[in-house]
Amino acid sequence: MDPKPPPKRRNAAQTRSRILAAAQQEFARQGYAQAGIRDIAKNAGVATSLLLRYFGSKANLFEEALRSAMLSPGLFEHEKAKFGERMAQILVEEGDTNLTAMIVRSSGDGQAQEIISRLTKAHALEGLARWLGPPNARARALNILILFTGFVVHCHQIPMEPLRRESVKWLARALQSIVDESTGG
């Protein structure tokens, strides 16, 4: 008789990462209100009870998935001179990014809206303002967030026609002009 193999040990960090990735995809696709914990667990390859053990609730999972997307490395680590181009390229190459889609598709739910507002202010707005620096860093950061989010909403939520190269170039120039206010460029 063969001995019973030892139980597989779960790698908590990998499991958490898989759950967050599945949550980001589902919240981006469905929005907070329509996303289901069971679907997220299934897509992550875990039991619903394990997902809840890791995060406690759908609201906590949404918050962690959103925070994780906001804190993805690299956005504010590049030179300022190419920011507009880089952001426009992200929009075109990655299309409806999980972060923006999660925000746009979830903002109609009151609980999600509170989480979005708090995290956007703490991470996106403040991080962008620090990166931009004076003058008027916070106001300029807010203008960038409004412009980019509005562009994404228009292109992906209420598209009237295909995205044109001229529009992408306009976005890149508009974003870059906000960044350049600090350098006089």
Protein backbone atom coordinates (compact mmCIF):
# COMPACT_ATOMS: atom_id res chain seq x y z
CA MET A 1 0.00 0.00 0.00
CA ASP A 2 1.38 3.37 -1.09
CA PRO A 3 1.65 5.99 1.60
CA LYS A 4 -0.73 8.90 1.24
CA PRO A 5 1.07 11.91 -0.23
CA PRO A 6 1.38 14.89 2.08
CA PRO A 7 -1.21 17.61 1.53
CA LYS A 8 -0.15 20.39 -0.82
CA ARG A 9 0.83 23.53 0.99
CA ARG A 10 -0.79 26.63 -0.33
CA ASN A 11 1.44 29.57 -1.15
CA ALA A 12 -0.50 32.40 0.52
CA ALA A 13 1.15 35.19 -1.47
CA GLN A 14 0.47 33.47 -4.81
CA THR A 15 -3.10 32.67 -3.82
CA ARG A 16 -3.72 36.26 -2.74
CA SER A 17 -2.20 37.52 -5.98
CA ARG A 18 -4.40 35.20 -8.08
CA ILE A 19 -7.50 36.32 -6.21
CA LEU A 20 -6.64 40.01 -6.68
CA ALA A 21 -5.97 39.51 -10.40
CA ALA A 22 -9.28 37.69 -10.86
CA ALA A 23 -11.07 40.37 -8.83
CA GLN A 24 -9.57 43.17 -10.91
CA GLN A 25 -10.71 41.48 -14.11
CA GLU A 26 -14.22 40.81 -12.82
CA PHE A 27 -14.71 44.27 -11.28
CA ALA A 28 -13.37 45.84 -14.50
CA ARG A 29 -15.73 43.75 -16.63
CA GLN A 30 -18.86 43.83 -14.48
CA GLY A 31 -18.46 46.70 -12.01
CA TYR A 32 -18.75 46.33 -8.25
CA ALA A 33 -22.50 45.77 -8.05
CA GLN A 34 -22.62 43.03 -10.70
CA ALA A 35 -19.37 41.22 -9.89
CA GLY A 36 -19.92 38.03 -7.95
CA ILE A 37 -17.67 36.60 -5.25
CA ARG A 38 -18.32 33.09 -6.57
CA ASP A 39 -17.22 34.08 -10.09
CA ILE A 40 -14.08 35.74 -8.77
CA ALA A 41 -13.24 32.68 -6.67
CA LYS A 42 -13.84 30.37 -9.62
CA ASN A 43 -11.62 32.47 -11.92
CA ALA A 44 -8.90 32.51 -9.25
CA GLY A 45 -9.17 28.75 -8.83
CA VAL A 46 -10.08 28.92 -5.14
CA ALA A 47 -13.10 28.17 -2.99
CA THR A 48 -15.38 31.09 -2.10
CA SER A 49 -14.73 30.38 1.57
CA LEU A 50 -10.98 30.80 1.02
CA LEU A 51 -11.50 34.09 -0.81
CA LEU A 52 -13.58 35.34 2.13
CA ARG A 53 -10.97 34.09 4.59
CA TYR A 54 -8.35 36.20 2.80
CA PHE A 55 -10.44 39.35 2.35
CA GLY A 56 -13.47 39.10 4.62
CA SER A 57 -16.00 40.74 2.32
CA LYS A 58 -16.65 41.85 -1.22
CA ALA A 59 -16.01 45.47 -0.19
CA ASN A 60 -12.62 44.58 1.30
CA LEU A 61 -11.73 42.59 -1.82
CA PHE A 62 -12.73 45.51 -4.04
CA GLU A 63 -10.65 47.90 -1.96
CA GLU A 64 -7.57 45.68 -2.12
CA ALA A 65 -8.00 45.01 -5.85
CA LEU A 66 -8.34 48.74 -6.54
CA ARG A 67 -5.40 49.64 -4.29
CA SER A 68 -3.26 47.01 -5.97
CA ALA A 69 -4.12 48.38 -9.42
CA MET A 70 -3.40 51.96 -8.31
CA LEU A 71 -0.05 51.08 -6.85
CA SER A 72 1.25 49.18 -9.86
CA PRO A 73 4.88 50.18 -10.25
CA GLY A 74 6.37 52.44 -12.83
CA LEU A 75 3.81 55.09 -13.69
CA PHE A 76 5.50 57.93 -11.84
CA GLU A 77 9.04 56.61 -12.16
CA HIS A 78 9.65 57.83 -15.71
CA GLU A 79 10.78 61.19 -16.95
CA LYS A 80 8.12 63.85 -17.17
CA ALA A 81 8.93 64.77 -20.77
CA LYS A 82 7.15 61.69 -22.19
CA PHE A 83 4.23 61.41 -19.75
CA GLY A 84 1.49 62.41 -22.21
CA GLU A 85 2.71 59.99 -24.86
CA ARG A 86 3.06 57.18 -22.32
CA MET A 87 -0.46 57.65 -20.94
CA ALA A 88 -1.99 57.82 -24.43
CA GLN A 89 -0.02 54.70 -25.39
CA ILE A 90 -1.38 52.88 -22.33
CA LEU A 91 -4.88 53.77 -23.43
CA VAL A 92 -4.36 52.55 -26.99
CA GLU A 93 -2.27 49.45 -26.26
CA GLU A 94 -4.03 48.21 -23.16
CA GLY A 95 -7.45 49.50 -24.10
CA ASP A 96 -9.83 49.51 -21.19
CA THR A 97 -7.33 49.18 -18.34
CA ASN A 98 -8.52 47.33 -15.27
CA LEU A 99 -7.97 50.33 -13.02
CA THR A 100 -10.00 52.79 -15.06
CA ALA A 101 -12.66 50.23 -15.91
CA MET A 102 -13.00 49.24 -12.24
CA ILE A 103 -13.52 52.88 -11.31
CA VAL A 104 -15.90 53.75 -14.12
CA ARG A 105 -18.02 50.61 -13.95
CA SER A 106 -18.23 50.59 -10.15
CA SER A 107 -18.82 54.25 -9.33
CA GLY A 108 -22.62 53.91 -9.47
CA ASP A 109 -22.61 51.84 -6.27
CA GLY A 110 -22.49 53.95 -3.08
CA GLN A 111 -20.15 51.65 -1.17
CA ALA A 112 -17.79 51.31 -4.13
CA GLN A 113 -17.93 55.06 -4.75
CA GLU A 114 -16.71 55.77 -1.21
CA ILE A 115 -13.83 53.32 -1.63
CA ILE A 116 -12.93 54.74 -5.06
CA SER A 117 -12.97 58.32 -3.80
CA ARG A 118 -10.85 57.57 -0.74
CA LEU A 119 -8.25 55.50 -2.60
CA THR A 120 -8.08 57.79 -5.63
CA LYS A 121 -7.40 60.74 -3.37
CA ALA A 122 -4.84 58.91 -1.23
CA HIS A 123 -2.94 57.10 -3.96
CA ALA A 124 -3.57 58.47 -7.45
CA LEU A 125 -4.11 62.16 -6.71
CA GLU A 126 -1.51 62.50 -3.97
CA GLY A 127 1.04 60.29 -5.76
CA LEU A 128 0.64 62.19 -9.01
CA ALA A 129 0.83 65.54 -7.21
CA ARG A 130 4.08 64.53 -5.48
CA TRP A 131 5.53 63.38 -8.79
CA LEU A 132 4.48 66.57 -10.59
CA GLY A 133 5.78 68.95 -7.93
CA PRO A 134 5.09 72.70 -7.77
CA PRO A 135 3.45 74.84 -8.91
CA ASN A 136 -0.15 73.87 -8.18
CA ALA A 137 0.68 70.17 -8.13
CA ARG A 138 -2.60 69.01 -6.64
CA ALA A 139 -4.75 71.00 -9.07
CA ARG A 140 -2.68 69.78 -12.02
CA ALA A 141 -2.89 66.18 -10.80
CA LEU A 142 -6.66 66.48 -10.55
CA ASN A 143 -6.83 67.90 -14.07
CA ILE A 144 -4.81 64.95 -15.40
CA LEU A 145 -7.08 62.44 -13.66
CA ILE A 146 -10.22 64.16 -14.94
CA LEU A 147 -8.93 64.38 -18.50
CA PHE A 148 -7.69 60.79 -18.68
CA THR A 149 -10.77 59.30 -17.01
CA GLY A 150 -13.12 61.35 -19.18
CA PHE A 151 -11.29 60.22 -22.30
CA VAL A 152 -11.50 56.58 -21.25
CA VAL A 153 -15.20 56.88 -20.39
CA HIS A 154 -15.94 58.43 -23.74
CA CYS A 155 -13.93 55.86 -25.70
CA HIS A 156 -15.02 52.74 -23.85
CA GLN A 157 -18.34 53.44 -22.19
CA ILE A 158 -20.08 55.67 -24.72
CA PRO A 159 -18.13 55.31 -27.95
CA MET A 160 -19.67 57.23 -30.80
CA GLU A 161 -17.12 56.22 -33.41
CA PRO A 162 -13.77 54.45 -33.57
CA LEU A 163 -10.88 56.06 -31.73
CA ARG A 164 -8.90 58.23 -34.09
CA ARG A 165 -5.15 58.73 -34.08
CA GLU A 166 -5.73 62.52 -33.96
CA SER A 167 -7.71 62.12 -30.74
CA VAL A 168 -4.95 60.07 -29.13
CA LYS A 169 -2.38 62.67 -30.16
CA TRP A 170 -4.61 65.41 -28.72
CA LEU A 171 -4.84 63.53 -25.41
CA ALA A 172 -1.06 63.11 -25.29
CA ARG A 173 -0.53 66.85 -25.95
CA ALA A 174 -3.20 67.89 -23.42
CA LEU A 175 -1.78 65.66 -20.68
CA GLN A 176 1.75 66.76 -21.45
CA SER A 177 0.80 70.43 -21.31
CA ILE A 178 -0.49 69.94 -17.76
CA VAL A 179 2.77 68.22 -16.76
CA ASP A 180 4.86 70.89 -18.47
CA GLU A 181 3.27 73.70 -16.46
CA SER A 182 5.93 72.99 -13.82
CA THR A 183 8.84 73.40 -16.19
CA GLY A 184 7.57 76.24 -18.31
CA GLY A 185 7.91 73.77 -21.21
